[in-house]
Every structure is written in structure tokens, then in C-alpha cells.
Amino acid sequence: DDVTEAFTQECHTLNALPGDSLLAVHLQAGLSALKVAHVPQSSASSSASLNDPLHIPAFRRMACALPFAKHTHSTLVCHVTRQVMDEDN
């Protein structure tokens, strides 16, 4: 098993390939963008939530270790002053 792992790692290094498949990396990025901390029960059976990929058990298992990235409220921060922007600034 160690020889197989070393061979695979060396092959990836020689060919400048990432250790994870690019499909897995892209799936994880997409699932992380869709992952929410809490899904309201009233929308659990709506057609919009049924189209959510995180309702598929295989995708849910893949996303379990990913961070929550979808926010319900966004804020803009000024890159100069580092203050939260509102209607006055």
C-alpha cells in the first residue's frame, strides 16, 4: 500500500497533477457555496428545495466536512477604511 501511494504521488508530482481529482475539487466548491446551516422546515418540501443538490444523499455526505458559505445577510466593507458600508458612506 505504501509503494502504491508513493508511486501515485510521484506520478502526480512529475505530471504536475493535483492530489485530488479536479471533478471532486469543483464539486466541493459548488457544494460549499450552496451549503446552509439551517433549512427552514416550511421550505423542505417545496420544488425549489427538491432541486437543491444537497438533498441528494451522496452530495450531502460529500458536503458534510465542508464549511458553510451561504449567508442570509451580506455586508459590504470599505477596502480603505475597513468599515461596514451603509447608506451614509
N, C-alpha and C. Protein backbone atom coordinates (compact mmCIF):
# COMPACT_ATOMS: atom_id res chain seq x y z
N ASP A 1 0.83 -1.19 0.00
CA ASP A 1 0.00 0.00 0.00
C ASP A 1 0.88 1.26 0.00
N ASP A 2 1.98 1.24 0.75
CA ASP A 2 2.88 2.38 0.78
C ASP A 2 3.54 2.60 -0.57
N VAL A 3 3.89 1.50 -1.26
CA VAL A 3 4.52 1.61 -2.57
C VAL A 3 3.53 2.20 -3.59
N THR A 4 2.29 1.76 -3.51
CA THR A 4 1.26 2.27 -4.41
C THR A 4 1.04 3.76 -4.18
N GLU A 5 0.96 4.15 -2.93
CA GLU A 5 0.77 5.57 -2.60
C GLU A 5 1.96 6.40 -3.04
N ALA A 6 3.17 5.91 -2.83
CA ALA A 6 4.37 6.63 -3.24
C ALA A 6 4.43 6.76 -4.76
N PHE A 7 4.08 5.69 -5.49
CA PHE A 7 4.08 5.73 -6.95
C PHE A 7 3.05 6.74 -7.46
N THR A 8 1.86 6.72 -6.89
CA THR A 8 0.81 7.65 -7.32
C THR A 8 1.21 9.08 -7.03
N GLN A 9 1.77 9.32 -5.87
CA GLN A 9 2.19 10.67 -5.51
C GLN A 9 3.32 11.15 -6.42
N GLU A 10 4.27 10.29 -6.73
CA GLU A 10 5.37 10.66 -7.62
C GLU A 10 4.87 10.92 -9.05
N CYS A 11 3.92 10.13 -9.50
CA CYS A 11 3.33 10.33 -10.82
C CYS A 11 2.61 11.67 -10.89
N HIS A 12 1.87 12.01 -9.84
CA HIS A 12 1.20 13.31 -9.80
C HIS A 12 2.21 14.44 -9.80
N THR A 13 3.30 14.29 -9.06
CA THR A 13 4.32 15.33 -8.99
C THR A 13 5.00 15.52 -10.34
N LEU A 14 5.35 14.44 -11.00
CA LEU A 14 6.04 14.53 -12.29
C LEU A 14 5.16 15.17 -13.36
N ASN A 15 3.87 14.91 -13.32
CA ASN A 15 2.95 15.43 -14.33
C ASN A 15 2.21 16.69 -13.89
N ALA A 16 2.61 17.27 -12.75
CA ALA A 16 2.02 18.49 -12.21
C ALA A 16 0.51 18.35 -12.04
N LEU A 17 0.09 17.23 -11.51
CA LEU A 17 -1.33 16.97 -11.26
C LEU A 17 -1.65 17.16 -9.79
N PRO A 18 -2.83 17.65 -9.47
CA PRO A 18 -3.20 17.77 -8.06
C PRO A 18 -3.47 16.40 -7.45
N GLY A 19 -3.38 16.32 -6.14
CA GLY A 19 -3.63 15.06 -5.46
C GLY A 19 -5.09 14.62 -5.54
N ASP A 20 -6.01 15.58 -5.53
CA ASP A 20 -7.43 15.29 -5.65
C ASP A 20 -7.86 15.48 -7.10
N SER A 21 -8.89 14.78 -7.49
CA SER A 21 -9.38 14.95 -8.85
C SER A 21 -10.00 16.33 -9.01
N LEU A 22 -9.88 16.89 -10.20
CA LEU A 22 -10.44 18.22 -10.43
C LEU A 22 -11.96 18.21 -10.34
N LEU A 23 -12.58 17.09 -10.69
CA LEU A 23 -14.03 16.99 -10.55
C LEU A 23 -14.43 17.10 -9.08
N ALA A 24 -13.70 16.42 -8.20
CA ALA A 24 -14.00 16.49 -6.77
C ALA A 24 -13.79 17.89 -6.23
N VAL A 25 -12.74 18.57 -6.68
CA VAL A 25 -12.47 19.93 -6.23
C VAL A 25 -13.60 20.87 -6.65
N HIS A 26 -14.04 20.75 -7.90
CA HIS A 26 -15.12 21.61 -8.39
C HIS A 26 -16.45 21.28 -7.72
N LEU A 27 -16.73 20.01 -7.48
CA LEU A 27 -17.96 19.64 -6.78
C LEU A 27 -17.96 20.19 -5.36
N GLN A 28 -16.82 20.10 -4.67
CA GLN A 28 -16.75 20.60 -3.31
C GLN A 28 -16.92 22.11 -3.26
N ALA A 29 -16.37 22.82 -4.24
CA ALA A 29 -16.53 24.28 -4.29
C ALA A 29 -18.00 24.64 -4.50
N GLY A 30 -18.66 23.94 -5.40
CA GLY A 30 -20.07 24.21 -5.65
C GLY A 30 -20.95 23.87 -4.47
N LEU A 31 -20.69 22.73 -3.85
CA LEU A 31 -21.49 22.32 -2.70
C LEU A 31 -21.27 23.24 -1.51
N SER A 32 -20.05 23.71 -1.35
CA SER A 32 -19.76 24.64 -0.26
C SER A 32 -20.50 25.95 -0.45
N ALA A 33 -20.64 26.39 -1.69
CA ALA A 33 -21.38 27.64 -1.95
C ALA A 33 -22.86 27.47 -1.69
N LEU A 34 -23.39 26.26 -1.81
CA LEU A 34 -24.81 26.01 -1.62
C LEU A 34 -25.18 25.62 -0.19
N LYS A 35 -24.20 25.25 0.61
CA LYS A 35 -24.46 24.70 1.93
C LYS A 35 -24.93 25.78 2.91
N VAL A 36 -26.05 25.52 3.57
CA VAL A 36 -26.60 26.44 4.56
C VAL A 36 -26.63 25.75 5.91
N ALA A 37 -26.58 26.56 6.97
CA ALA A 37 -26.56 26.00 8.31
C ALA A 37 -27.89 25.40 8.71
N HIS A 38 -29.00 26.01 8.24
CA HIS A 38 -30.31 25.53 8.65
C HIS A 38 -31.29 25.72 7.51
N VAL A 39 -31.98 24.67 7.14
CA VAL A 39 -33.02 24.75 6.11
C VAL A 39 -34.36 24.84 6.82
N PRO A 40 -35.14 25.89 6.57
CA PRO A 40 -36.45 26.00 7.23
C PRO A 40 -37.35 24.81 6.88
N GLN A 41 -38.09 24.32 7.85
CA GLN A 41 -38.94 23.16 7.64
C GLN A 41 -40.06 23.44 6.64
N SER A 42 -40.54 24.69 6.57
CA SER A 42 -41.63 25.01 5.66
C SER A 42 -41.22 24.89 4.20
N SER A 43 -39.92 25.09 3.92
CA SER A 43 -39.47 25.00 2.54
C SER A 43 -38.86 23.65 2.21
N ALA A 44 -38.90 22.72 3.16
CA ALA A 44 -38.25 21.43 2.95
C ALA A 44 -38.91 20.63 1.84
N SER A 45 -40.20 20.83 1.60
CA SER A 45 -40.87 20.05 0.58
C SER A 45 -41.17 20.86 -0.67
N SER A 46 -40.72 22.10 -0.73
CA SER A 46 -41.00 22.92 -1.91
C SER A 46 -40.20 22.42 -3.10
N SER A 47 -40.64 22.80 -4.30
CA SER A 47 -39.95 22.34 -5.50
C SER A 47 -38.56 22.93 -5.60
N ALA A 48 -38.35 24.14 -5.05
CA ALA A 48 -37.02 24.74 -5.08
C ALA A 48 -36.03 23.93 -4.26
N SER A 49 -36.46 23.45 -3.09
CA SER A 49 -35.55 22.67 -2.26
C SER A 49 -35.33 21.28 -2.83
N LEU A 50 -36.30 20.75 -3.57
CA LEU A 50 -36.11 19.45 -4.18
C LEU A 50 -35.08 19.50 -5.31
N ASN A 51 -34.86 20.68 -5.88
CA ASN A 51 -33.84 20.86 -6.90
C ASN A 51 -32.47 21.15 -6.31
N ASP A 52 -32.40 21.29 -5.00
CA ASP A 52 -31.14 21.54 -4.32
C ASP A 52 -30.30 20.27 -4.31
N PRO A 53 -29.06 20.32 -4.81
CA PRO A 53 -28.22 19.11 -4.84
C PRO A 53 -27.93 18.54 -3.46
N LEU A 54 -28.02 19.35 -2.42
CA LEU A 54 -27.73 18.85 -1.08
C LEU A 54 -28.84 17.97 -0.52
N HIS A 55 -29.93 17.80 -1.25
CA HIS A 55 -30.96 16.85 -0.85
C HIS A 55 -30.65 15.45 -1.36
N ILE A 56 -29.61 15.32 -2.18
CA ILE A 56 -29.17 14.01 -2.66
C ILE A 56 -28.18 13.45 -1.63
N PRO A 57 -28.42 12.25 -1.12
CA PRO A 57 -27.57 11.72 -0.04
C PRO A 57 -26.07 11.68 -0.37
N ALA A 58 -25.71 11.35 -1.59
CA ALA A 58 -24.28 11.28 -1.95
C ALA A 58 -23.63 12.66 -1.86
N PHE A 59 -24.33 13.69 -2.32
CA PHE A 59 -23.80 15.04 -2.23
C PHE A 59 -23.78 15.53 -0.79
N ARG A 60 -24.78 15.14 -0.01
CA ARG A 60 -24.83 15.53 1.40
C ARG A 60 -23.63 14.95 2.15
N ARG A 61 -23.28 13.69 1.85
CA ARG A 61 -22.11 13.08 2.51
C ARG A 61 -20.83 13.80 2.10
N MET A 62 -20.73 14.19 0.83
CA MET A 62 -19.54 14.89 0.36
C MET A 62 -19.42 16.27 1.00
N ALA A 63 -20.55 16.91 1.27
CA ALA A 63 -20.54 18.27 1.80
C ALA A 63 -20.46 18.33 3.32
N CYS A 64 -20.54 17.20 4.00
CA CYS A 64 -20.60 17.25 5.47
C CYS A 64 -19.35 17.87 6.09
N ALA A 65 -18.19 17.72 5.50
CA ALA A 65 -16.96 18.28 6.06
C ALA A 65 -16.65 19.67 5.53
N LEU A 66 -17.47 20.19 4.63
CA LEU A 66 -17.22 21.50 4.03
C LEU A 66 -17.80 22.61 4.90
N PRO A 67 -17.21 23.81 4.81
CA PRO A 67 -17.72 24.93 5.61
C PRO A 67 -19.04 25.47 5.05
N PHE A 68 -19.78 26.16 5.90
CA PHE A 68 -20.98 26.85 5.46
C PHE A 68 -20.56 28.15 4.79
N ALA A 69 -21.03 28.39 3.59
CA ALA A 69 -20.59 29.58 2.87
C ALA A 69 -21.74 30.49 2.47
N LYS A 70 -22.96 30.01 2.52
CA LYS A 70 -24.09 30.82 2.09
C LYS A 70 -24.60 31.63 3.28
N HIS A 71 -24.69 32.91 3.07
CA HIS A 71 -25.13 33.80 4.14
C HIS A 71 -26.49 34.40 3.78
N THR A 72 -27.33 34.56 4.78
CA THR A 72 -28.64 35.15 4.53
C THR A 72 -28.57 36.66 4.47
N HIS A 73 -27.59 37.27 5.14
CA HIS A 73 -27.42 38.72 5.13
C HIS A 73 -25.99 39.03 4.74
N SER A 74 -25.82 39.87 3.74
CA SER A 74 -24.49 40.25 3.29
C SER A 74 -24.18 41.67 3.76
N THR A 75 -22.91 41.95 3.95
CA THR A 75 -22.47 43.30 4.29
C THR A 75 -21.33 43.68 3.37
N LEU A 76 -21.26 44.96 3.05
CA LEU A 76 -20.16 45.49 2.25
C LEU A 76 -19.20 46.20 3.19
N VAL A 77 -17.91 45.93 2.99
CA VAL A 77 -16.89 46.55 3.83
C VAL A 77 -15.98 47.38 2.92
N CYS A 78 -15.75 48.62 3.30
CA CYS A 78 -14.87 49.51 2.54
C CYS A 78 -13.45 48.98 2.62
N HIS A 79 -12.79 48.85 1.47
CA HIS A 79 -11.44 48.30 1.48
C HIS A 79 -10.41 49.30 1.98
N VAL A 80 -10.75 50.57 2.05
CA VAL A 80 -9.82 51.59 2.54
C VAL A 80 -9.95 51.75 4.05
N THR A 81 -11.18 51.98 4.53
CA THR A 81 -11.38 52.25 5.95
C THR A 81 -11.68 51.00 6.77
N ARG A 82 -12.02 49.92 6.11
CA ARG A 82 -12.38 48.65 6.76
C ARG A 82 -13.63 48.79 7.63
N GLN A 83 -14.50 49.72 7.27
CA GLN A 83 -15.75 49.91 7.99
C GLN A 83 -16.91 49.35 7.17
N VAL A 84 -17.93 48.88 7.87
CA VAL A 84 -19.12 48.37 7.19
C VAL A 84 -19.81 49.53 6.50
N MET A 85 -20.12 49.36 5.22
CA MET A 85 -20.76 50.42 4.46
C MET A 85 -22.26 50.39 4.67
N ASP A 86 -22.85 51.58 4.71
CA ASP A 86 -24.29 51.70 4.80
C ASP A 86 -24.74 52.82 3.85
N GLU A 87 -25.96 53.32 4.04
CA GLU A 87 -26.48 54.32 3.10
C GLU A 87 -25.79 55.67 3.26
N ASP A 88 -25.04 55.89 4.35
CA ASP A 88 -24.39 57.19 4.59
C ASP A 88 -22.95 57.25 4.08
N ASN A 89 -22.30 56.16 3.83
CA ASN A 89 -20.91 56.22 3.37
C ASN A 89 -20.76 55.49 2.08
